[in-house]
Amino acid sequence: MREALAKTFGLQADRLICGAGVEDILVLVSRVFLQKGDEAIYTEFGFNMYAIDVKASGATSVVAKEKNFTADVDAILNV
């Protein structure tokens, strides 16, 4: 699949990641980039898998408040 995608879109196959949906990719990313002592920021009403993946990676969740159920960039920058 990676080879076909790379050929079709003119990309390098070794730079592509394929998964079984966004949850699979989130798990891979959290396992690669997060470890005990790290912090991961996400918004309070964001995708529920963020909290699960952060905890499973041993990192600490930092939750930014939202405004009207919408991500607030200033709140994210200020946590």
Protein backbone atom coordinates (compact mmCIF):
# COMPACT_ATOMS: atom_id res chain seq x y z
CA MET A 1 0.00 0.00 0.00
CA ARG A 2 2.79 2.41 0.88
CA GLU A 3 4.52 1.76 -2.43
CA ALA A 4 1.31 2.37 -4.39
CA LEU A 5 0.57 5.58 -2.51
CA ALA A 6 4.13 6.80 -2.93
CA LYS A 7 4.07 6.13 -6.66
CA THR A 8 0.67 7.76 -7.14
CA PHE A 9 1.50 10.93 -5.22
CA GLY A 10 5.25 11.19 -5.89
CA LEU A 11 6.28 10.50 -2.29
CA GLN A 12 8.88 8.35 -0.57
CA ALA A 13 7.30 5.10 0.64
CA ASP A 14 9.52 4.95 3.73
CA ARG A 15 8.03 8.28 4.87
CA LEU A 16 4.43 7.03 4.87
CA ILE A 17 2.56 5.43 7.77
CA CYS A 18 -0.54 3.35 7.21
CA GLY A 19 -2.96 2.27 9.88
CA ALA A 20 -6.43 0.93 10.50
CA GLY A 21 -8.00 4.35 11.04
CA VAL A 22 -7.09 7.42 13.01
CA GLU A 23 -7.07 5.57 16.36
CA ASP A 24 -4.36 3.24 15.10
CA ILE A 25 -2.22 6.16 13.93
CA LEU A 26 -2.72 7.99 17.25
CA VAL A 27 -1.51 4.93 19.13
CA LEU A 28 1.59 4.71 16.93
CA VAL A 29 2.39 8.41 17.30
CA SER A 30 1.90 8.41 21.07
CA ARG A 31 4.11 5.33 21.50
CA VAL A 32 6.89 6.88 19.41
CA PHE A 33 6.86 10.39 20.85
CA LEU A 34 5.56 10.11 24.43
CA GLN A 35 7.14 8.57 27.47
CA LYS A 36 7.05 8.89 31.25
CA GLY A 37 7.76 12.49 32.24
CA ASP A 38 6.39 13.97 29.01
CA GLU A 39 3.23 16.04 28.80
CA ALA A 40 0.66 16.00 26.01
CA ILE A 41 -1.80 18.85 25.51
CA TYR A 42 -5.28 18.36 24.10
CA THR A 43 -8.61 20.11 24.50
CA GLU A 44 -11.28 19.11 27.01
CA PHE A 45 -13.86 17.93 24.48
CA GLY A 46 -11.39 16.59 21.91
CA PHE A 47 -11.15 13.01 20.70
CA ASN A 48 -11.43 10.69 23.73
CA MET A 49 -8.56 8.52 22.53
CA TYR A 50 -6.09 11.32 23.34
CA ALA A 51 -6.44 10.74 27.08
CA ILE A 52 -6.23 6.97 26.69
CA ASP A 53 -3.14 7.07 24.47
CA VAL A 54 -1.34 9.59 26.66
CA LYS A 55 -1.95 7.51 29.77
CA ALA A 56 -0.94 4.27 28.03
CA SER A 57 2.32 5.92 26.98
CA GLY A 58 3.11 6.88 30.59
CA ALA A 59 2.93 10.58 29.84
CA THR A 60 0.86 13.21 31.65
CA SER A 61 -2.29 14.73 30.15
CA VAL A 62 -2.63 18.50 30.10
CA VAL A 63 -6.17 19.53 29.20
CA ALA A 64 -6.90 22.96 27.73
CA LYS A 65 -10.37 24.43 28.26
CA GLU A 66 -12.55 25.05 25.22
CA LYS A 67 -14.88 27.95 24.40
CA ASN A 68 -18.35 26.93 23.26
CA PHE A 69 -17.13 23.37 22.57
CA THR A 70 -14.43 24.74 20.25
CA ALA A 71 -10.66 24.54 20.64
CA ASP A 72 -9.28 27.78 22.08
CA VAL A 73 -5.79 28.38 20.72
CA ASP A 74 -4.97 30.88 23.46
CA ALA A 75 -5.99 28.36 26.15
CA ILE A 76 -3.80 25.71 24.51
CA LEU A 77 -0.82 28.07 24.41
CA ASN A 78 -1.33 29.07 28.05
CA VAL A 79 -1.61 25.66 29.75
